[in-house]
N, C-alpha and C. Protein backbone atom coordinates (compact mmCIF):
# COMPACT_ATOMS: atom_id res chain seq x y z
N UNK A 1 -14.09 -28.11 -10.88
CA UNK A 1 -15.02 -28.89 -11.66
C UNK A 1 -14.29 -29.83 -12.60
N UNK A 2 -13.17 -29.37 -13.12
CA UNK A 2 -12.42 -30.18 -14.08
C UNK A 2 -12.03 -31.53 -13.48
N UNK A 3 -11.63 -31.53 -12.22
CA UNK A 3 -11.19 -32.78 -11.58
C UNK A 3 -12.33 -33.80 -11.50
N UNK A 4 -13.52 -33.33 -11.14
CA UNK A 4 -14.64 -34.27 -11.05
C UNK A 4 -15.03 -34.79 -12.43
N UNK A 5 -14.92 -33.95 -13.45
CA UNK A 5 -15.21 -34.39 -14.82
C UNK A 5 -14.17 -35.43 -15.25
N UNK A 6 -12.90 -35.20 -14.90
CA UNK A 6 -11.85 -36.16 -15.25
C UNK A 6 -12.09 -37.51 -14.59
N UNK A 7 -12.54 -37.50 -13.33
CA UNK A 7 -12.82 -38.76 -12.63
C UNK A 7 -13.94 -39.52 -13.32
N UNK A 8 -14.98 -38.80 -13.71
CA UNK A 8 -16.10 -39.44 -14.40
C UNK A 8 -15.63 -40.05 -15.72
N UNK A 9 -14.82 -39.29 -16.46
CA UNK A 9 -14.34 -39.79 -17.75
C UNK A 9 -13.43 -40.99 -17.57
N UNK A 10 -12.61 -40.99 -16.52
CA UNK A 10 -11.74 -42.14 -16.27
C UNK A 10 -12.57 -43.38 -15.97
N UNK A 11 -13.64 -43.21 -15.20
CA UNK A 11 -14.52 -44.33 -14.90
C UNK A 11 -15.20 -44.84 -16.17
N UNK A 12 -15.70 -43.91 -17.00
CA UNK A 12 -16.34 -44.30 -18.26
C UNK A 12 -15.34 -45.03 -19.17
N UNK A 13 -14.10 -44.53 -19.23
CA UNK A 13 -13.08 -45.17 -20.06
C UNK A 13 -12.74 -46.57 -19.54
N UNK A 14 -12.68 -46.71 -18.22
CA UNK A 14 -12.40 -48.02 -17.63
C UNK A 14 -13.51 -49.01 -17.94
N UNK A 15 -14.75 -48.57 -17.86
CA UNK A 15 -15.89 -49.44 -18.18
C UNK A 15 -15.85 -49.83 -19.66
N UNK A 16 -15.58 -48.84 -20.52
CA UNK A 16 -15.50 -49.13 -21.96
C UNK A 16 -14.36 -50.09 -22.26
N UNK A 17 -13.24 -49.91 -21.58
CA UNK A 17 -12.09 -50.81 -21.76
C UNK A 17 -12.44 -52.23 -21.30
N UNK A 18 -13.13 -52.33 -20.18
CA UNK A 18 -13.55 -53.63 -19.65
C UNK A 18 -14.48 -54.34 -20.63
N UNK A 19 -15.34 -53.56 -21.27
CA UNK A 19 -16.28 -54.13 -22.24
C UNK A 19 -15.62 -54.39 -23.59
N UNK A 20 -14.38 -53.95 -23.76
CA UNK A 20 -13.68 -54.16 -25.02
C UNK A 20 -14.01 -53.11 -26.06
N UNK A 21 -14.55 -52.01 -25.63
CA UNK A 21 -14.89 -50.92 -26.56
C UNK A 21 -13.73 -49.95 -26.60
N UNK A 22 -13.22 -49.68 -27.77
CA UNK A 22 -12.11 -48.73 -27.92
C UNK A 22 -12.61 -47.41 -28.46
N UNK A 23 -11.75 -46.39 -28.42
CA UNK A 23 -12.11 -45.10 -28.99
C UNK A 23 -12.14 -45.20 -30.51
N UNK A 24 -13.07 -44.51 -31.09
CA UNK A 24 -13.18 -44.49 -32.54
C UNK A 24 -12.15 -43.56 -33.14
N UNK A 25 -11.67 -43.88 -34.31
CA UNK A 25 -10.71 -43.02 -34.99
C UNK A 25 -11.34 -41.67 -35.34
N UNK A 26 -12.65 -41.65 -35.56
CA UNK A 26 -13.33 -40.40 -35.89
C UNK A 26 -13.13 -39.36 -34.80
N UNK A 27 -13.04 -39.82 -33.55
CA UNK A 27 -12.93 -38.89 -32.44
C UNK A 27 -11.69 -38.01 -32.56
N UNK A 28 -10.59 -38.55 -33.03
CA UNK A 28 -9.37 -37.78 -33.23
C UNK A 28 -9.58 -36.68 -34.26
N UNK A 29 -10.40 -36.97 -35.27
CA UNK A 29 -10.67 -35.99 -36.31
C UNK A 29 -11.50 -34.82 -35.79
N UNK A 30 -12.25 -35.04 -34.71
CA UNK A 30 -13.13 -34.01 -34.18
C UNK A 30 -12.50 -33.29 -32.99
N UNK A 31 -11.19 -33.35 -32.88
CA UNK A 31 -10.47 -32.69 -31.81
C UNK A 31 -10.63 -31.19 -31.96
N UNK A 32 -11.07 -30.53 -30.90
CA UNK A 32 -11.26 -29.08 -30.93
C UNK A 32 -10.08 -28.39 -30.27
N UNK A 33 -9.71 -28.86 -29.08
CA UNK A 33 -8.60 -28.27 -28.34
C UNK A 33 -7.39 -29.19 -28.41
N UNK A 34 -6.39 -28.77 -29.15
CA UNK A 34 -5.17 -29.56 -29.31
C UNK A 34 -4.37 -29.61 -28.01
N UNK A 35 -4.37 -28.51 -27.26
CA UNK A 35 -3.57 -28.44 -26.03
C UNK A 35 -3.98 -29.49 -25.01
N UNK A 36 -5.29 -29.70 -24.86
CA UNK A 36 -5.79 -30.62 -23.84
C UNK A 36 -6.55 -31.80 -24.43
N UNK A 37 -6.47 -31.97 -25.76
CA UNK A 37 -7.09 -33.09 -26.46
C UNK A 37 -8.57 -33.24 -26.11
N UNK A 38 -9.30 -32.15 -26.26
CA UNK A 38 -10.74 -32.15 -25.97
C UNK A 38 -11.49 -32.19 -27.29
N UNK A 39 -12.40 -33.16 -27.40
CA UNK A 39 -13.15 -33.33 -28.64
C UNK A 39 -14.44 -32.52 -28.63
N UNK A 40 -14.99 -32.36 -29.82
CA UNK A 40 -16.27 -31.68 -29.97
C UNK A 40 -17.37 -32.42 -29.20
N UNK A 41 -17.34 -33.74 -29.28
CA UNK A 41 -18.35 -34.54 -28.58
C UNK A 41 -18.31 -34.29 -27.08
N UNK A 42 -17.11 -34.21 -26.54
CA UNK A 42 -16.98 -33.96 -25.10
C UNK A 42 -17.51 -32.57 -24.74
N UNK A 43 -17.19 -31.58 -25.53
CA UNK A 43 -17.67 -30.22 -25.27
C UNK A 43 -19.19 -30.19 -25.32
N UNK A 44 -19.77 -30.83 -26.34
CA UNK A 44 -21.23 -30.86 -26.45
C UNK A 44 -21.87 -31.57 -25.25
N UNK A 45 -21.31 -32.72 -24.89
CA UNK A 45 -21.89 -33.49 -23.78
C UNK A 45 -21.81 -32.70 -22.47
N UNK A 46 -20.65 -32.15 -22.17
CA UNK A 46 -20.46 -31.41 -20.91
C UNK A 46 -21.34 -30.16 -20.89
N UNK A 47 -21.45 -29.47 -22.01
CA UNK A 47 -22.28 -28.26 -22.07
C UNK A 47 -23.74 -28.58 -21.82
N UNK A 48 -24.24 -29.63 -22.43
CA UNK A 48 -25.65 -30.00 -22.28
C UNK A 48 -25.93 -30.51 -20.86
N UNK A 49 -25.08 -31.40 -20.37
CA UNK A 49 -25.30 -31.99 -19.05
C UNK A 49 -25.24 -30.95 -17.93
N UNK A 50 -24.43 -29.91 -18.10
CA UNK A 50 -24.21 -28.94 -17.02
C UNK A 50 -24.76 -27.55 -17.34
N UNK A 51 -25.51 -27.44 -18.43
CA UNK A 51 -26.15 -26.18 -18.82
C UNK A 51 -25.12 -25.05 -18.99
N UNK A 52 -24.00 -25.35 -19.63
CA UNK A 52 -22.93 -24.38 -19.83
C UNK A 52 -23.21 -23.55 -21.08
N UNK A 53 -23.00 -22.25 -20.97
CA UNK A 53 -23.30 -21.37 -22.10
C UNK A 53 -22.14 -20.46 -22.51
N UNK A 54 -21.02 -20.49 -21.77
CA UNK A 54 -19.89 -19.63 -22.11
C UNK A 54 -18.62 -20.45 -22.27
N UNK A 55 -17.66 -19.88 -22.98
CA UNK A 55 -16.36 -20.53 -23.17
C UNK A 55 -15.67 -20.70 -21.81
N UNK A 56 -15.81 -19.70 -20.93
CA UNK A 56 -15.18 -19.78 -19.62
C UNK A 56 -15.69 -20.99 -18.84
N UNK A 57 -16.99 -21.25 -18.92
CA UNK A 57 -17.55 -22.41 -18.23
C UNK A 57 -17.01 -23.71 -18.83
N UNK A 58 -16.92 -23.76 -20.15
CA UNK A 58 -16.37 -24.95 -20.82
C UNK A 58 -14.91 -25.16 -20.37
N UNK A 59 -14.14 -24.09 -20.31
CA UNK A 59 -12.74 -24.18 -19.88
C UNK A 59 -12.67 -24.69 -18.44
N UNK A 60 -13.57 -24.21 -17.58
CA UNK A 60 -13.60 -24.63 -16.19
C UNK A 60 -13.86 -26.14 -16.07
N UNK A 61 -14.72 -26.66 -16.92
CA UNK A 61 -15.10 -28.07 -16.85
C UNK A 61 -14.13 -28.99 -17.60
N UNK A 62 -13.55 -28.51 -18.71
CA UNK A 62 -12.78 -29.41 -19.58
C UNK A 62 -11.35 -28.96 -19.84
N UNK A 63 -11.01 -27.74 -19.50
CA UNK A 63 -9.73 -27.08 -19.80
C UNK A 63 -9.64 -26.64 -21.26
N UNK A 64 -10.57 -27.04 -22.10
CA UNK A 64 -10.54 -26.62 -23.51
C UNK A 64 -10.57 -25.09 -23.58
N UNK A 65 -9.66 -24.53 -24.34
CA UNK A 65 -9.58 -23.08 -24.47
C UNK A 65 -8.66 -22.46 -23.44
N UNK A 66 -8.13 -23.26 -22.54
CA UNK A 66 -7.28 -22.73 -21.48
C UNK A 66 -5.80 -22.73 -21.80
N UNK A 67 -5.44 -23.22 -22.97
CA UNK A 67 -4.03 -23.25 -23.37
C UNK A 67 -3.71 -22.10 -24.30
N UNK A 68 -3.48 -22.42 -25.55
CA UNK A 68 -3.08 -21.40 -26.53
C UNK A 68 -4.23 -20.49 -26.93
N UNK A 69 -5.47 -20.96 -26.76
CA UNK A 69 -6.63 -20.14 -27.07
C UNK A 69 -7.09 -20.20 -28.52
N UNK A 70 -6.41 -20.96 -29.35
CA UNK A 70 -6.78 -21.00 -30.76
C UNK A 70 -8.13 -21.69 -31.00
N UNK A 71 -8.64 -22.41 -30.01
CA UNK A 71 -9.90 -23.13 -30.18
C UNK A 71 -11.10 -22.37 -29.63
N UNK A 72 -10.89 -21.21 -29.07
CA UNK A 72 -11.98 -20.47 -28.43
C UNK A 72 -13.11 -20.16 -29.41
N UNK A 73 -12.76 -19.74 -30.61
CA UNK A 73 -13.80 -19.44 -31.60
C UNK A 73 -14.62 -20.69 -31.94
N UNK A 74 -13.97 -21.82 -32.06
CA UNK A 74 -14.68 -23.08 -32.36
C UNK A 74 -15.59 -23.47 -31.20
N UNK A 75 -15.13 -23.28 -29.97
CA UNK A 75 -15.97 -23.57 -28.80
C UNK A 75 -17.20 -22.68 -28.80
N UNK A 76 -17.02 -21.40 -29.12
CA UNK A 76 -18.17 -20.48 -29.21
C UNK A 76 -19.16 -20.95 -30.26
N UNK A 77 -18.66 -21.40 -31.41
CA UNK A 77 -19.54 -21.91 -32.47
C UNK A 77 -20.32 -23.14 -32.01
N UNK A 78 -19.64 -24.03 -31.29
CA UNK A 78 -20.32 -25.22 -30.78
C UNK A 78 -21.41 -24.83 -29.80
N UNK A 79 -21.12 -23.90 -28.91
CA UNK A 79 -22.12 -23.46 -27.94
C UNK A 79 -23.30 -22.79 -28.63
N UNK A 80 -23.03 -21.96 -29.64
CA UNK A 80 -24.12 -21.33 -30.38
C UNK A 80 -24.98 -22.37 -31.06
N UNK A 81 -24.35 -23.39 -31.61
CA UNK A 81 -25.08 -24.47 -32.27
C UNK A 81 -25.95 -25.23 -31.27
N UNK A 82 -25.40 -25.53 -30.11
CA UNK A 82 -26.15 -26.28 -29.10
C UNK A 82 -27.38 -25.50 -28.64
N UNK A 83 -27.19 -24.23 -28.33
CA UNK A 83 -28.26 -23.44 -27.72
C UNK A 83 -28.97 -22.53 -28.73
N UNK A 84 -28.85 -22.84 -30.02
CA UNK A 84 -29.48 -22.01 -31.06
C UNK A 84 -31.00 -21.96 -30.92
N UNK A 85 -31.58 -23.05 -30.54
CA UNK A 85 -33.03 -23.11 -30.43
C UNK A 85 -33.51 -22.46 -29.14
N UNK A 86 -32.88 -22.80 -28.04
CA UNK A 86 -33.34 -22.30 -26.75
C UNK A 86 -32.17 -22.30 -25.77
N UNK A 87 -32.01 -21.19 -25.04
CA UNK A 87 -31.00 -21.13 -24.00
C UNK A 87 -31.44 -22.08 -22.89
N UNK A 88 -30.51 -22.82 -22.32
CA UNK A 88 -30.90 -23.82 -21.32
C UNK A 88 -31.51 -23.20 -20.08
N UNK A 89 -32.49 -23.87 -19.54
CA UNK A 89 -33.05 -23.45 -18.27
C UNK A 89 -32.15 -24.00 -17.19
N UNK A 90 -31.82 -23.14 -16.25
CA UNK A 90 -31.00 -23.60 -15.15
C UNK A 90 -31.82 -24.53 -14.28
N UNK A 91 -31.19 -25.55 -13.75
CA UNK A 91 -31.93 -26.46 -12.89
C UNK A 91 -32.48 -25.71 -11.69
N UNK A 92 -33.63 -26.13 -11.22
CA UNK A 92 -34.28 -25.47 -10.10
C UNK A 92 -33.48 -25.75 -8.83
N UNK A 93 -32.86 -24.69 -8.29
CA UNK A 93 -32.04 -24.89 -7.10
C UNK A 93 -32.89 -25.01 -5.85
N UNK A 94 -34.20 -24.89 -5.99
CA UNK A 94 -35.07 -25.02 -4.83
C UNK A 94 -35.46 -26.46 -4.56
N UNK A 95 -34.78 -27.40 -5.23
CA UNK A 95 -35.04 -28.81 -4.98
C UNK A 95 -34.68 -29.13 -3.53
N UNK A 96 -34.98 -30.31 -3.12
CA UNK A 96 -34.69 -30.75 -1.76
C UNK A 96 -33.18 -30.73 -1.54
N UNK A 97 -32.74 -29.89 -0.61
CA UNK A 97 -31.32 -29.74 -0.32
C UNK A 97 -30.97 -30.40 1.01
N UNK A 98 -29.78 -30.95 1.09
CA UNK A 98 -29.29 -31.42 2.38
C UNK A 98 -28.96 -30.18 3.21
N UNK A 99 -28.75 -30.37 4.51
CA UNK A 99 -28.40 -29.24 5.37
C UNK A 99 -27.11 -28.58 4.92
N UNK A 100 -26.12 -29.39 4.55
CA UNK A 100 -24.85 -28.82 4.09
C UNK A 100 -25.02 -28.05 2.79
N UNK A 101 -25.82 -28.58 1.87
CA UNK A 101 -26.07 -27.87 0.60
C UNK A 101 -26.79 -26.55 0.87
N UNK A 102 -27.76 -26.57 1.77
CA UNK A 102 -28.51 -25.35 2.08
C UNK A 102 -27.60 -24.30 2.70
N UNK A 103 -26.75 -24.71 3.64
CA UNK A 103 -25.82 -23.77 4.28
C UNK A 103 -24.88 -23.18 3.24
N UNK A 104 -24.33 -24.04 2.37
CA UNK A 104 -23.41 -23.56 1.33
C UNK A 104 -24.11 -22.59 0.38
N UNK A 105 -25.35 -22.90 0.03
CA UNK A 105 -26.09 -22.03 -0.89
C UNK A 105 -26.42 -20.70 -0.23
N UNK A 106 -26.80 -20.71 1.04
CA UNK A 106 -27.06 -19.46 1.76
C UNK A 106 -25.80 -18.61 1.79
N UNK A 107 -24.67 -19.22 2.13
CA UNK A 107 -23.41 -18.48 2.16
C UNK A 107 -23.06 -17.91 0.79
N UNK A 108 -23.28 -18.69 -0.25
CA UNK A 108 -22.99 -18.26 -1.61
C UNK A 108 -23.87 -17.07 -2.02
N UNK A 109 -25.16 -17.15 -1.71
CA UNK A 109 -26.08 -16.05 -2.05
C UNK A 109 -25.69 -14.78 -1.28
N UNK A 110 -25.33 -14.94 -0.02
CA UNK A 110 -24.91 -13.77 0.76
C UNK A 110 -23.67 -13.14 0.15
N UNK A 111 -22.68 -13.97 -0.19
CA UNK A 111 -21.42 -13.45 -0.73
C UNK A 111 -21.55 -12.84 -2.12
N UNK A 112 -22.37 -13.45 -2.98
CA UNK A 112 -22.44 -13.01 -4.38
C UNK A 112 -23.58 -12.05 -4.68
N UNK A 113 -24.67 -12.13 -3.93
CA UNK A 113 -25.85 -11.32 -4.25
C UNK A 113 -26.08 -10.20 -3.23
N UNK A 114 -25.98 -10.52 -1.96
CA UNK A 114 -26.41 -9.58 -0.92
C UNK A 114 -25.27 -8.66 -0.47
N UNK A 115 -24.15 -9.24 -0.04
CA UNK A 115 -23.04 -8.44 0.50
C UNK A 115 -22.55 -7.36 -0.46
N UNK A 116 -22.35 -7.64 -1.75
CA UNK A 116 -21.88 -6.57 -2.65
C UNK A 116 -22.81 -5.36 -2.70
N UNK A 117 -24.11 -5.61 -2.62
CA UNK A 117 -25.07 -4.49 -2.64
C UNK A 117 -25.00 -3.67 -1.36
N UNK A 118 -24.85 -4.36 -0.23
CA UNK A 118 -24.72 -3.64 1.03
C UNK A 118 -23.43 -2.84 1.06
N UNK A 119 -22.34 -3.45 0.64
CA UNK A 119 -21.04 -2.79 0.66
C UNK A 119 -21.00 -1.59 -0.29
N UNK A 120 -21.78 -1.64 -1.35
CA UNK A 120 -21.82 -0.51 -2.29
C UNK A 120 -22.37 0.74 -1.61
N UNK A 121 -23.17 0.55 -0.56
CA UNK A 121 -23.73 1.68 0.19
C UNK A 121 -23.03 1.89 1.53
N UNK A 122 -21.88 1.24 1.71
CA UNK A 122 -21.11 1.41 2.94
C UNK A 122 -21.54 0.50 4.08
N UNK A 123 -22.42 -0.43 3.80
CA UNK A 123 -22.89 -1.35 4.83
C UNK A 123 -22.27 -2.72 4.67
N UNK A 124 -22.69 -3.62 5.54
CA UNK A 124 -22.22 -5.00 5.47
C UNK A 124 -23.07 -5.84 6.40
N UNK A 125 -22.84 -7.14 6.37
CA UNK A 125 -23.53 -8.03 7.29
C UNK A 125 -22.61 -9.17 7.65
N UNK A 126 -22.92 -9.81 8.76
CA UNK A 126 -22.18 -10.98 9.20
C UNK A 126 -23.18 -12.10 9.39
N UNK A 127 -22.87 -13.25 8.85
CA UNK A 127 -23.71 -14.43 9.04
C UNK A 127 -23.32 -15.04 10.38
N UNK A 128 -24.27 -15.05 11.32
CA UNK A 128 -24.00 -15.54 12.67
C UNK A 128 -24.26 -17.04 12.77
N UNK A 129 -25.42 -17.49 12.27
CA UNK A 129 -25.77 -18.90 12.41
C UNK A 129 -26.88 -19.25 11.42
N UNK A 130 -26.98 -20.53 11.15
CA UNK A 130 -28.07 -21.06 10.34
C UNK A 130 -28.62 -22.25 11.11
N UNK A 131 -29.90 -22.18 11.45
CA UNK A 131 -30.54 -23.25 12.22
C UNK A 131 -31.82 -23.64 11.48
N UNK A 132 -31.72 -24.69 10.66
CA UNK A 132 -32.87 -25.09 9.85
C UNK A 132 -33.17 -24.00 8.83
N UNK A 133 -34.36 -23.41 8.96
CA UNK A 133 -34.73 -22.31 8.06
C UNK A 133 -34.49 -20.94 8.68
N UNK A 134 -33.94 -20.90 9.87
CA UNK A 134 -33.61 -19.63 10.53
C UNK A 134 -32.20 -19.21 10.15
N UNK A 135 -32.08 -18.02 9.59
CA UNK A 135 -30.78 -17.46 9.25
C UNK A 135 -30.57 -16.25 10.15
N UNK A 136 -29.55 -16.32 11.00
CA UNK A 136 -29.31 -15.26 11.96
C UNK A 136 -28.12 -14.44 11.47
N UNK A 137 -28.35 -13.14 11.33
CA UNK A 137 -27.32 -12.24 10.82
C UNK A 137 -27.10 -11.09 11.80
N UNK A 138 -26.03 -10.36 11.58
CA UNK A 138 -25.78 -9.11 12.28
C UNK A 138 -25.45 -8.07 11.22
N UNK A 139 -26.10 -6.93 11.31
CA UNK A 139 -25.80 -5.84 10.38
C UNK A 139 -24.51 -5.18 10.84
N UNK A 140 -23.69 -4.77 9.90
CA UNK A 140 -22.39 -4.16 10.21
C UNK A 140 -22.22 -2.86 9.42
N UNK A 141 -21.18 -2.13 9.77
CA UNK A 141 -20.79 -0.87 9.12
C UNK A 141 -21.96 0.11 9.14
N UNK A 142 -22.26 0.73 8.03
CA UNK A 142 -23.31 1.76 7.96
C UNK A 142 -24.71 1.20 8.23
N UNK A 143 -24.88 -0.09 8.08
CA UNK A 143 -26.20 -0.71 8.30
C UNK A 143 -26.60 -0.70 9.77
N UNK A 144 -25.62 -0.59 10.67
CA UNK A 144 -25.91 -0.66 12.10
C UNK A 144 -26.82 0.49 12.52
N UNK A 145 -26.51 1.69 12.09
CA UNK A 145 -27.27 2.88 12.49
C UNK A 145 -28.35 3.28 11.49
N UNK A 146 -28.48 2.54 10.43
CA UNK A 146 -29.40 2.93 9.36
C UNK A 146 -30.86 2.79 9.82
N UNK A 147 -31.66 3.82 9.60
CA UNK A 147 -33.08 3.73 9.98
C UNK A 147 -33.86 2.76 9.08
N UNK A 148 -33.27 2.35 7.97
CA UNK A 148 -33.92 1.41 7.05
C UNK A 148 -33.46 -0.03 7.30
N UNK A 149 -32.87 -0.30 8.46
CA UNK A 149 -32.35 -1.62 8.77
C UNK A 149 -33.41 -2.71 8.66
N UNK A 150 -34.62 -2.41 9.10
CA UNK A 150 -35.71 -3.39 9.01
C UNK A 150 -36.03 -3.75 7.57
N UNK A 151 -36.02 -2.75 6.70
CA UNK A 151 -36.26 -2.99 5.28
C UNK A 151 -35.12 -3.82 4.69
N UNK A 152 -33.89 -3.52 5.10
CA UNK A 152 -32.73 -4.27 4.62
C UNK A 152 -32.85 -5.75 5.00
N UNK A 153 -33.19 -6.02 6.25
CA UNK A 153 -33.35 -7.41 6.71
C UNK A 153 -34.46 -8.10 5.91
N UNK A 154 -35.55 -7.39 5.68
CA UNK A 154 -36.66 -7.94 4.90
C UNK A 154 -36.22 -8.26 3.48
N UNK A 155 -35.42 -7.38 2.87
CA UNK A 155 -34.92 -7.62 1.51
C UNK A 155 -33.97 -8.81 1.47
N UNK A 156 -33.14 -8.96 2.50
CA UNK A 156 -32.24 -10.11 2.59
C UNK A 156 -33.06 -11.39 2.66
N UNK A 157 -34.09 -11.38 3.48
CA UNK A 157 -34.96 -12.54 3.63
C UNK A 157 -35.63 -12.89 2.30
N UNK A 158 -36.13 -11.89 1.59
CA UNK A 158 -36.79 -12.14 0.31
C UNK A 158 -35.82 -12.73 -0.71
N UNK A 159 -34.58 -12.23 -0.75
CA UNK A 159 -33.59 -12.76 -1.69
C UNK A 159 -33.26 -14.21 -1.36
N UNK A 160 -33.09 -14.53 -0.09
CA UNK A 160 -32.80 -15.91 0.31
C UNK A 160 -34.00 -16.82 0.04
N UNK A 161 -35.20 -16.31 0.22
CA UNK A 161 -36.40 -17.11 -0.10
C UNK A 161 -36.48 -17.37 -1.59
N UNK A 162 -36.12 -16.38 -2.38
CA UNK A 162 -36.17 -16.53 -3.84
C UNK A 162 -35.14 -17.53 -4.35
N UNK A 163 -33.92 -17.48 -3.81
CA UNK A 163 -32.83 -18.27 -4.37
C UNK A 163 -32.50 -19.55 -3.61
N UNK A 164 -33.01 -19.70 -2.39
CA UNK A 164 -32.64 -20.88 -1.61
C UNK A 164 -33.87 -21.68 -1.21
N UNK A 165 -34.72 -21.10 -0.34
CA UNK A 165 -35.88 -21.83 0.20
C UNK A 165 -36.94 -20.82 0.60
N UNK A 166 -38.17 -21.05 0.18
CA UNK A 166 -39.25 -20.11 0.44
C UNK A 166 -39.63 -20.02 1.92
N UNK A 167 -39.11 -20.89 2.75
CA UNK A 167 -39.45 -20.90 4.17
C UNK A 167 -38.40 -20.25 5.06
N UNK A 168 -37.37 -19.65 4.49
CA UNK A 168 -36.31 -19.03 5.26
C UNK A 168 -36.83 -17.81 6.02
N UNK A 169 -36.40 -17.70 7.26
CA UNK A 169 -36.71 -16.54 8.09
C UNK A 169 -35.38 -15.94 8.53
N UNK A 170 -35.18 -14.64 8.27
CA UNK A 170 -33.94 -13.97 8.64
C UNK A 170 -34.20 -13.19 9.92
N UNK A 171 -33.31 -13.39 10.88
CA UNK A 171 -33.39 -12.69 12.16
C UNK A 171 -32.09 -11.97 12.43
N UNK A 172 -32.19 -10.84 13.14
CA UNK A 172 -30.99 -10.10 13.53
C UNK A 172 -30.62 -10.58 14.93
N UNK A 173 -29.38 -11.03 15.08
CA UNK A 173 -28.95 -11.58 16.37
C UNK A 173 -27.95 -10.71 17.06
């Protein structure tokens, strides 16, 4: 994420330079992270634009807090100030997704939400294919012989419908 943020900032700086706009001296005074020269304004902007609520997320996007760590407390204070009124609502991931975005999201949900729960009970699954809204899986390990396999597939389908697309159908292939 940091690289894409740096590209955006470089473009913004180039546009400002083209327009003859320079950095304000005040910005140096509001430096939060000395190691990576990250200002309070940048932390606030990135946190609001990307719905960031933890220091780790800020570090991922800006590198602030990733050096000596002396600014971590200040970053926490900034985040508390930003979200004091209301914790940000995460953007609705059920928006119109491209096929690649949908496939990536399905894989992510399987890896982070579904597979760990199956593996905790000695089971597993393999993603065989994704064809539109059809998600074809194979049950593995303890799930193969489990008499509750149908319920497991139904639960997988419900989780994918909740987090990806309400029209997803999970099939065992």
